[in-house]
Every structure is written in structure tokens, then in C-alpha cells.
């Protein structure tokens, strides 16, 4: 299950766009770590540079956790982008915190979960964003191996891709994001950051990002423009 916290979505969308944390590139799409090509990219690391926006986001994350997971005992941040947000939220909620590496450390104690985790602790994972859901699931699995009791995931932004909610549900995880793609596109149009043609292309990508990505891969290799199809 993946929900959007609509109360916070317009303000988060406006802040991310104003800050330049979201980039639209319909002519030259971005290659994500998952291998997908996408005509937009969200870099929530930029939030660290804006004290007002990061404070709003931290309080919105904290309030979402208070409402959805009131019995939480431990917060976990994903390395690296989720760590500062988890720290700010942990401070607000007066909760202990750990963080999760993408892979176990190759030296020292070889840990993947860093910090003090008491087995059975009711845990919420804080993500900067959720795309396919794969990295969130891997982080949750690492926490479960350390005997954390996973309550859910809270993220700043989700691309709301088809299939993501099903992957999370299959892994036994619920997730809430402060902002989703629909709110972002609506705000971008209001701010004059997207043309009608660009928005149409973004919606085509959203309906089937894997097929869109494969199509772009073909035209990218042939050196043609994406708009010539």
C-alpha cells in the first residue's frame, strides 16, 4: 500500500519546485539507478540548504508518523539521503534512530544497520523518495534481519509508479509519501514550469514507465529525438 498525504502535498510540491529539487528533462531523460529512463528527477538532498522548507518537511513527516504510526519506538533513515531527515524527525519525536546502508559494510563489524536497535522495536523507515520501491524493501528487509518490527515507511516524495504499491504490499509494508507525482505536475503547471506538451509526455511515461524506458532506449541508441518516436 502506498498513500499520499494530501494535506502536505501542495506545499511540498511548491517547495521542491521552487528549490530546483525537481528537474524536468523531456528532451534528454535521466537514467535512474534502477536502469529506467525518466523525464524527471527529484533530488531531495537540496532540502538541506533551505532551513524553512526542511523544517516544514520534518514537521510534516513527524505529524504523519504521529497519525499513522503512533506506537513507533524507533526511526530508521536510509543512507544517504534519508539520514538527515530521519535525524530531524527523531529529534522532534524524541525517539532513537538508526540508519540503513544499501549493503553491509565491507570492513569493521560488517554491519548494514548502524546504531542501537533493540530487537522487537516498532520501527518506521524514513525515505527521501520512493520510486520502484525496491530500495525501500531492501532496507526494510535489513531491519527485519536485525529483528526490528516494521510498522511502515514515510517518504518525502513518491513518483507513484504503477506496481510500486503492489511490491510494497507483497513485502508486507505500508507507505505514506508527503507528495506524489500528480500534485507535483499540477503545481508545475501553475508555476509555468511545464508546457502542455511536456506534461502530456510525462503522463505517457507515468502510465507505463518500463515500456516508455525501453522505447527511449531504442531511440537513444539510434540517435533520434524522442519526439519523433
C-alpha atoms as a PDB file:
ATOM      1  CA  UNK A   1       0.000   0.000   0.000  1.00  0.00           C
ATOM      2  CA  UNK A   2       1.250   3.485  -0.891  1.00  0.00           C
ATOM      3  CA  UNK A   3      -0.704   6.579   0.114  1.00  0.00           C
ATOM      4  CA  UNK A   4      -0.167  10.295  -0.473  1.00  0.00           C
ATOM      5  CA  UNK A   5      -0.617  12.700   2.458  1.00  0.00           C
ATOM      6  CA  UNK A   6      -2.720  15.201   0.511  1.00  0.00           C
ATOM      7  CA  UNK A   7      -2.684  17.727   3.366  1.00  0.00           C
ATOM      8  CA  UNK A   8       1.009  18.395   2.791  1.00  0.00           C
ATOM      9  CA  UNK A   9       1.335  17.647  -0.938  1.00  0.00           C
ATOM     10  CA  UNK A  10       0.745  21.157  -2.408  1.00  0.00           C
ATOM     11  CA  UNK A  11       3.240  22.867  -0.080  1.00  0.00           C
ATOM     12  CA  UNK A  12       5.874  20.164  -0.547  1.00  0.00           C
ATOM     13  CA  UNK A  13       5.434  20.246  -4.334  1.00  0.00           C
ATOM     14  CA  UNK A  14       5.776  24.028  -4.429  1.00  0.00           C
ATOM     15  CA  UNK A  15       8.853  23.934  -2.209  1.00  0.00           C
ATOM     16  CA  UNK A  16      10.623  21.235  -4.212  1.00  0.00           C
ATOM     17  CA  UNK A  17       9.967  23.040  -7.483  1.00  0.00           C
ATOM     18  CA  UNK A  18      10.997  26.444  -6.137  1.00  0.00           C
ATOM     19  CA  UNK A  19      14.197  24.965  -4.752  1.00  0.00           C
ATOM     20  CA  UNK A  20      15.039  23.256  -8.031  1.00  0.00           C
ATOM     21  CA  UNK A  21      14.996  19.826  -6.400  1.00  0.00           C
ATOM     22  CA  UNK A  22      12.819  18.520  -9.243  1.00  0.00           C
ATOM     23  CA  UNK A  23      14.171  18.714 -12.767  1.00  0.00           C
ATOM     24  CA  UNK A  24      12.191  18.055 -15.938  1.00  0.00           C
ATOM     25  CA  UNK A  25      14.113  16.902 -18.994  1.00  0.00           C
ATOM     26  CA  UNK A  26      11.759  15.692 -21.682  1.00  0.00           C
ATOM     27  CA  UNK A  27      14.364  16.004 -24.462  1.00  0.00           C
ATOM     28  CA  UNK A  28      17.183  14.224 -22.614  1.00  0.00           C
ATOM     29  CA  UNK A  29      15.718  11.990 -19.893  1.00  0.00           C
ATOM     30  CA  UNK A  30      17.585  10.912 -16.776  1.00  0.00           C
ATOM     31  CA  UNK A  31      18.876   7.398 -16.203  1.00  0.00           C
ATOM     32  CA  UNK A  32      17.830   6.209 -12.743  1.00  0.00           C
ATOM     33  CA  UNK A  33      19.818   3.802 -10.597  1.00  0.00           C
ATOM     34  CA  UNK A  34      17.170   1.174 -11.361  1.00  0.00           C
ATOM     35  CA  UNK A  35      18.066   1.427 -15.060  1.00  0.00           C
ATOM     36  CA  UNK A  36      14.819   3.164 -16.030  1.00  0.00           C
ATOM     37  CA  UNK A  37      14.896   6.293 -18.171  1.00  0.00           C
ATOM     38  CA  UNK A  38      12.669   9.078 -16.873  1.00  0.00           C
ATOM     39  CA  UNK A  39      11.862  12.644 -17.989  1.00  0.00           C
ATOM     40  CA  UNK A  40      12.146  13.945 -14.424  1.00  0.00           C
ATOM     41  CA  UNK A  41      14.438  13.598 -11.437  1.00  0.00           C
ATOM     42  CA  UNK A  42      13.878  14.514  -7.789  1.00  0.00           C
ATOM     43  CA  UNK A  43      16.910  15.329  -5.622  1.00  0.00           C
ATOM     44  CA  UNK A  44      15.716  15.865  -2.062  1.00  0.00           C
ATOM     45  CA  UNK A  45      19.296  16.374  -0.848  1.00  0.00           C
ATOM     46  CA  UNK A  46      18.808  20.012  -1.825  1.00  0.00           C
ATOM     47  CA  UNK A  47      16.335  20.378   1.049  1.00  0.00           C
ATOM     48  CA  UNK A  48      19.282  20.539   3.433  1.00  0.00           C
ATOM     49  CA  UNK A  49      20.112  24.003   2.054  1.00  0.00           C
ATOM     50  CA  UNK A  50      16.703  25.518   2.855  1.00  0.00           C
ATOM     51  CA  UNK A  51      16.080  25.841   6.622  1.00  0.00           C
ATOM     52  CA  UNK A  52      12.426  26.852   6.261  1.00  0.00           C
ATOM     53  CA  UNK A  53      11.463  24.092   3.839  1.00  0.00           C
ATOM     54  CA  UNK A  54      13.406  21.363   5.601  1.00  0.00           C
ATOM     55  CA  UNK A  55      11.732  22.351   8.896  1.00  0.00           C
ATOM     56  CA  UNK A  56       8.297  22.145   7.249  1.00  0.00           C
ATOM     57  CA  UNK A  57       9.117  18.745   5.752  1.00  0.00           C
ATOM     58  CA  UNK A  58      10.479  17.444   9.061  1.00  0.00           C
ATOM     59  CA  UNK A  59       7.336  18.513  10.898  1.00  0.00           C
ATOM     60  CA  UNK A  60       5.123  17.056   8.154  1.00  0.00           C
ATOM     61  CA  UNK A  61       6.964  13.734   8.391  1.00  0.00           C
ATOM     62  CA  UNK A  62       6.687  13.823  12.178  1.00  0.00           C
ATOM     63  CA  UNK A  63       2.958  14.605  12.065  1.00  0.00           C
ATOM     64  CA  UNK A  64       2.358  11.819   9.531  1.00  0.00           C
ATOM     65  CA  UNK A  65       4.123   9.372  11.832  1.00  0.00           C
ATOM     66  CA  UNK A  66       2.123  10.598  14.850  1.00  0.00           C
ATOM     67  CA  UNK A  67      -1.121   9.981  12.944  1.00  0.00           C
ATOM     68  CA  UNK A  68      -0.294   6.741  11.103  1.00  0.00           C
ATOM     69  CA  UNK A  69       2.148   5.003  13.449  1.00  0.00           C
ATOM     70  CA  UNK A  70       1.504   6.353  16.964  1.00  0.00           C
ATOM     71  CA  UNK A  71       3.124   3.298  18.600  1.00  0.00           C
ATOM     72  CA  UNK A  72       6.510   3.812  16.872  1.00  0.00           C
ATOM     73  CA  UNK A  73       9.581   3.213  19.073  1.00  0.00           C
ATOM     74  CA  UNK A  74      12.437   3.636  16.578  1.00  0.00           C
ATOM     75  CA  UNK A  75      13.132   5.619  13.401  1.00  0.00           C
ATOM     76  CA  UNK A  76      15.427   4.408  10.640  1.00  0.00           C
ATOM     77  CA  UNK A  77      16.879   6.535   7.849  1.00  0.00           C
ATOM     78  CA  UNK A  78      18.112   5.240   4.526  1.00  0.00           C
ATOM     79  CA  UNK A  79      21.679   6.071   3.536  1.00  0.00           C
ATOM     80  CA  UNK A  80      22.450   8.577   2.464  1.00  0.00           C
ATOM     81  CA  UNK A  81      19.621  10.943   1.595  1.00  0.00           C
ATOM     82  CA  UNK A  82      17.197   9.743   4.268  1.00  0.00           C
ATOM     83  CA  UNK A  83      19.627  10.131   7.160  1.00  0.00           C
ATOM     84  CA  UNK A  84      19.341  13.898   7.837  1.00  0.00           C
ATOM     85  CA  UNK A  85      15.550  13.847   7.600  1.00  0.00           C
ATOM     86  CA  UNK A  86      15.339  10.884   9.962  1.00  0.00           C
ATOM     87  CA  UNK A  87      17.574  12.749  12.408  1.00  0.00           C
ATOM     88  CA  UNK A  88      15.429  15.893  12.346  1.00  0.00           C
ATOM     89  CA  UNK A  89      12.236  13.860  12.799  1.00  0.00           C
ATOM     90  CA  UNK A  90      13.747  11.717  15.558  1.00  0.00           C
ATOM     91  CA  UNK A  91      14.607  14.919  17.408  1.00  0.00           C
ATOM     92  CA  UNK A  92      11.034  16.183  17.111  1.00  0.00           C
ATOM     93  CA  UNK A  93       9.536  12.886  18.259  1.00  0.00           C
ATOM     94  CA  UNK A  94      12.192  12.275  20.910  1.00  0.00           C
ATOM     95  CA  UNK A  95      12.890   8.822  19.507  1.00  0.00           C
ATOM     96  CA  UNK A  96      16.062   6.791  18.987  1.00  0.00           C
ATOM     97  CA  UNK A  97      17.339   6.419  15.433  1.00  0.00           C
ATOM     98  CA  UNK A  98      19.408   4.061  13.298  1.00  0.00           C
ATOM     99  CA  UNK A  99      20.345   4.180   9.649  1.00  0.00           C
ATOM    100  CA  UNK A 100      20.480   1.538   6.927  1.00  0.00           C
ATOM    101  CA  UNK A 101      23.261   1.111   4.380  1.00  0.00           C
ATOM    102  CA  UNK A 102      22.479  -0.159   0.851  1.00  0.00           C
ATOM    103  CA  UNK A 103      24.794  -3.141   1.554  1.00  0.00           C
ATOM    104  CA  UNK A 104      26.618  -4.446   4.606  1.00  0.00           C
ATOM    105  CA  UNK A 105      29.875  -2.679   5.388  1.00  0.00           C
ATOM    106  CA  UNK A 106      32.876  -4.494   3.901  1.00  0.00           C
ATOM    107  CA  UNK A 107      35.146  -3.861   6.881  1.00  0.00           C
ATOM    108  CA  UNK A 108      34.944  -3.428  10.634  1.00  0.00           C
ATOM    109  CA  UNK A 109      31.835  -5.089  12.059  1.00  0.00           C
ATOM    110  CA  UNK A 110      30.287  -5.614   8.619  1.00  0.00           C
ATOM    111  CA  UNK A 111      27.003  -4.046   9.635  1.00  0.00           C
ATOM    112  CA  UNK A 112      24.223  -2.872   7.346  1.00  0.00           C
ATOM    113  CA  UNK A 113      22.101  -1.318  10.097  1.00  0.00           C
ATOM    114  CA  UNK A 114      24.117   1.212  12.064  1.00  0.00           C
ATOM    115  CA  UNK A 115      23.160   2.307  15.562  1.00  0.00           C
ATOM    116  CA  UNK A 116      21.485   0.656  18.537  1.00  0.00           C
ATOM    117  CA  UNK A 117      18.460  -1.414  17.536  1.00  0.00           C
ATOM    118  CA  UNK A 118      16.595  -3.229  20.288  1.00  0.00           C
ATOM    119  CA  UNK A 119      15.027  -6.428  18.864  1.00  0.00           C
ATOM    120  CA  UNK A 120      11.271  -6.085  18.541  1.00  0.00           C
ATOM    121  CA  UNK A 121      11.297  -2.279  18.404  1.00  0.00           C
ATOM    122  CA  UNK A 122       8.359  -0.924  16.414  1.00  0.00           C
ATOM    123  CA  UNK A 123      10.154   0.810  13.552  1.00  0.00           C
ATOM    124  CA  UNK A 124       9.300   3.380  10.882  1.00  0.00           C
ATOM    125  CA  UNK A 125      11.649   3.802   7.928  1.00  0.00           C
ATOM    126  CA  UNK A 126      12.149   7.335   6.587  1.00  0.00           C
ATOM    127  CA  UNK A 127      12.953   7.674   2.881  1.00  0.00           C
ATOM    128  CA  UNK A 128      13.737  10.777   0.864  1.00  0.00           C
ATOM    129  CA  UNK A 129      11.778   9.296  -2.066  1.00  0.00           C
ATOM    130  CA  UNK A 130      10.145   6.111  -3.314  1.00  0.00           C
ATOM    131  CA  UNK A 131      10.399   5.191  -6.997  1.00  0.00           C
ATOM    132  CA  UNK A 132      10.014   1.487  -7.773  1.00  0.00           C
ATOM    133  CA  UNK A 133      10.022   0.621  -4.060  1.00  0.00           C
ATOM    134  CA  UNK A 134      12.920  -1.826  -4.410  1.00  0.00           C
ATOM    135  CA  UNK A 135      15.431   0.085  -2.276  1.00  0.00           C
ATOM    136  CA  UNK A 136      12.824   0.658   0.448  1.00  0.00           C
ATOM    137  CA  UNK A 137      12.043  -3.052   0.530  1.00  0.00           C
ATOM    138  CA  UNK A 138      15.745  -3.947   0.774  1.00  0.00           C
ATOM    139  CA  UNK A 139      16.180  -1.514   3.670  1.00  0.00           C
ATOM    140  CA  UNK A 140      13.131  -2.939   5.453  1.00  0.00           C
ATOM    141  CA  UNK A 141      14.457  -6.470   4.972  1.00  0.00           C
ATOM    142  CA  UNK A 142      17.781  -5.433   6.511  1.00  0.00           C
ATOM    143  CA  UNK A 143      15.922  -4.023   9.533  1.00  0.00           C
ATOM    144  CA  UNK A 144      13.859  -7.185   9.854  1.00  0.00           C
ATOM    145  CA  UNK A 145      17.022  -9.283   9.864  1.00  0.00           C
ATOM    146  CA  UNK A 146      18.021  -7.276  12.934  1.00  0.00           C
ATOM    147  CA  UNK A 147      14.630  -8.197  14.485  1.00  0.00           C
ATOM    148  CA  UNK A 148      13.010  -4.783  14.013  1.00  0.00           C
ATOM    149  CA  UNK A 149       9.207  -4.848  13.926  1.00  0.00           C
ATOM    150  CA  UNK A 150       8.466  -2.858  10.757  1.00  0.00           C
ATOM    151  CA  UNK A 151       5.453  -0.580  11.104  1.00  0.00           C
ATOM    152  CA  UNK A 152       5.786   1.274   7.794  1.00  0.00           C
ATOM    153  CA  UNK A 153       7.625   3.731   5.580  1.00  0.00           C
ATOM    154  CA  UNK A 154       7.241   7.503   5.387  1.00  0.00           C
ATOM    155  CA  UNK A 155       8.770   9.363   2.447  1.00  0.00           C
ATOM    156  CA  UNK A 156       9.057  12.956   1.277  1.00  0.00           C
ATOM    157  CA  UNK A 157       8.148  12.204  -2.330  1.00  0.00           C
ATOM    158  CA  UNK A 158       6.964   9.278  -4.415  1.00  0.00           C
ATOM    159  CA  UNK A 159       6.811   9.049  -8.190  1.00  0.00           C
ATOM    160  CA  UNK A 160       3.694   6.921  -7.566  1.00  0.00           C
ATOM    161  CA  UNK A 161       4.723   4.482 -10.282  1.00  0.00           C
ATOM    162  CA  UNK A 162       2.384   1.658 -11.309  1.00  0.00           C
ATOM    163  CA  UNK A 163       3.339  -1.505  -9.497  1.00  0.00           C
ATOM    164  CA  UNK A 164       5.094   0.172  -6.576  1.00  0.00           C
ATOM    165  CA  UNK A 165       2.164  -0.194  -4.172  1.00  0.00           C
ATOM    166  CA  UNK A 166       1.810  -3.869  -5.082  1.00  0.00           C
ATOM    167  CA  UNK A 167       5.529  -4.525  -4.482  1.00  0.00           C
ATOM    168  CA  UNK A 168       5.322  -2.888  -1.062  1.00  0.00           C
ATOM    169  CA  UNK A 169       2.177  -4.809  -0.154  1.00  0.00           C
ATOM    170  CA  UNK A 170       3.772  -8.082  -1.215  1.00  0.00           C
ATOM    171  CA  UNK A 171       6.670  -7.289   1.115  1.00  0.00           C
ATOM    172  CA  UNK A 172       4.191  -6.631   3.947  1.00  0.00           C
ATOM    173  CA  UNK A 173       4.879  -2.890   4.009  1.00  0.00           C
ATOM    174  CA  UNK A 174       2.658   0.169   4.081  1.00  0.00           C
ATOM    175  CA  UNK A 175       3.992   3.541   2.948  1.00  0.00           C
ATOM    176  CA  UNK A 176       2.943   7.183   3.031  1.00  0.00           C
ATOM    177  CA  UNK A 177       4.547   9.962   0.972  1.00  0.00           C
ATOM    178  CA  UNK A 178       4.091  13.670   1.629  1.00  0.00           C
ATOM    179  CA  UNK A 179       3.843  14.391  -2.094  1.00  0.00           C
ATOM    180  CA  UNK A 180       3.151  12.413  -5.264  1.00  0.00           C
ATOM    181  CA  UNK A 181       3.514  12.944  -8.974  1.00  0.00           C
ATOM    182  CA  UNK A 182       0.005  14.314  -9.543  1.00  0.00           C
ATOM    183  CA  UNK A 183       0.448  17.155  -7.049  1.00  0.00           C
ATOM    184  CA  UNK A 184       3.871  17.889  -8.497  1.00  0.00           C
ATOM    185  CA  UNK A 185       2.602  18.155 -12.086  1.00  0.00           C
ATOM    186  CA  UNK A 186      -0.325  20.340 -11.079  1.00  0.00           C
ATOM    187  CA  UNK A 187       1.948  22.717  -9.186  1.00  0.00           C
ATOM    188  CA  UNK A 188       4.496  22.785 -12.021  1.00  0.00           C
ATOM    189  CA  UNK A 189       1.800  23.854 -14.488  1.00  0.00           C
ATOM    190  CA  UNK A 190       0.608  26.585 -12.096  1.00  0.00           C
ATOM    191  CA  UNK A 191       4.173  27.856 -11.802  1.00  0.00           C
ATOM    192  CA  UNK A 192       4.667  27.849 -15.571  1.00  0.00           C
ATOM    193  CA  UNK A 193       7.410  25.208 -15.423  1.00  0.00           C
ATOM    194  CA  UNK A 194       5.728  22.745 -17.807  1.00  0.00           C
ATOM    195  CA  UNK A 195       4.135  23.187 -21.195  1.00  0.00           C
ATOM    196  CA  UNK A 196       1.052  21.197 -22.135  1.00  0.00           C
ATOM    197  CA  UNK A 197       3.178  19.024 -24.440  1.00  0.00           C
ATOM    198  CA  UNK A 198       5.728  18.347 -21.697  1.00  0.00           C
ATOM    199  CA  UNK A 199       3.010  17.408 -19.227  1.00  0.00           C
ATOM    200  CA  UNK A 200       1.498  15.051 -21.807  1.00  0.00           C
ATOM    201  CA  UNK A 201       4.857  13.327 -22.281  1.00  0.00           C
ATOM    202  CA  UNK A 202       5.304  12.980 -18.513  1.00  0.00           C
ATOM    203  CA  UNK A 203       1.881  11.390 -18.202  1.00  0.00           C
ATOM    204  CA  UNK A 204       2.692   8.993 -21.036  1.00  0.00           C
ATOM    205  CA  UNK A 205       5.822   7.978 -19.109  1.00  0.00           C
ATOM    206  CA  UNK A 206       3.867   7.560 -15.876  1.00  0.00           C
ATOM    207  CA  UNK A 207       1.283   5.217 -17.417  1.00  0.00           C
ATOM    208  CA  UNK A 208       3.955   2.649 -18.325  1.00  0.00           C
ATOM    209  CA  UNK A 209       7.479   3.752 -17.331  1.00  0.00           C
ATOM    210  CA  UNK A 210       9.085   0.448 -18.278  1.00  0.00           C
ATOM    211  CA  UNK A 211       7.733   0.430 -21.846  1.00  0.00           C
ATOM    212  CA  UNK A 212       8.484   4.153 -22.178  1.00  0.00           C
ATOM    213  CA  UNK A 213      12.029   3.499 -20.977  1.00  0.00           C
ATOM    214  CA  UNK A 214      12.540   0.657 -23.439  1.00  0.00           C
ATOM    215  CA  UNK A 215      11.242   2.849 -26.257  1.00  0.00           C
ATOM    216  CA  UNK A 216      13.581   5.668 -25.278  1.00  0.00           C
ATOM    217  CA  UNK A 217      16.491   3.230 -25.046  1.00  0.00           C
ATOM    218  CA  UNK A 218      15.873   2.247 -28.666  1.00  0.00           C
ATOM    219  CA  UNK A 219      15.679   5.784 -29.993  1.00  0.00           C
ATOM    220  CA  UNK A 220      18.583   6.863 -27.785  1.00  0.00           C
ATOM    221  CA  UNK A 221      20.770   4.206 -29.343  1.00  0.00           C
ATOM    222  CA  UNK A 222      19.696   5.227 -32.826  1.00  0.00           C
ATOM    223  CA  UNK A 223      20.378   8.913 -32.110  1.00  0.00           C
ATOM    224  CA  UNK A 224      16.841  10.092 -32.879  1.00  0.00           C
ATOM    225  CA  UNK A 225      14.804  12.642 -30.959  1.00  0.00           C
ATOM    226  CA  UNK A 226      12.258  11.239 -28.522  1.00  0.00           C
ATOM    227  CA  UNK A 227       9.541  13.344 -30.150  1.00  0.00           C
ATOM    228  CA  UNK A 228       9.967  11.613 -33.495  1.00  0.00           C
ATOM    229  CA  UNK A 229       9.049   8.270 -31.946  1.00  0.00           C
END
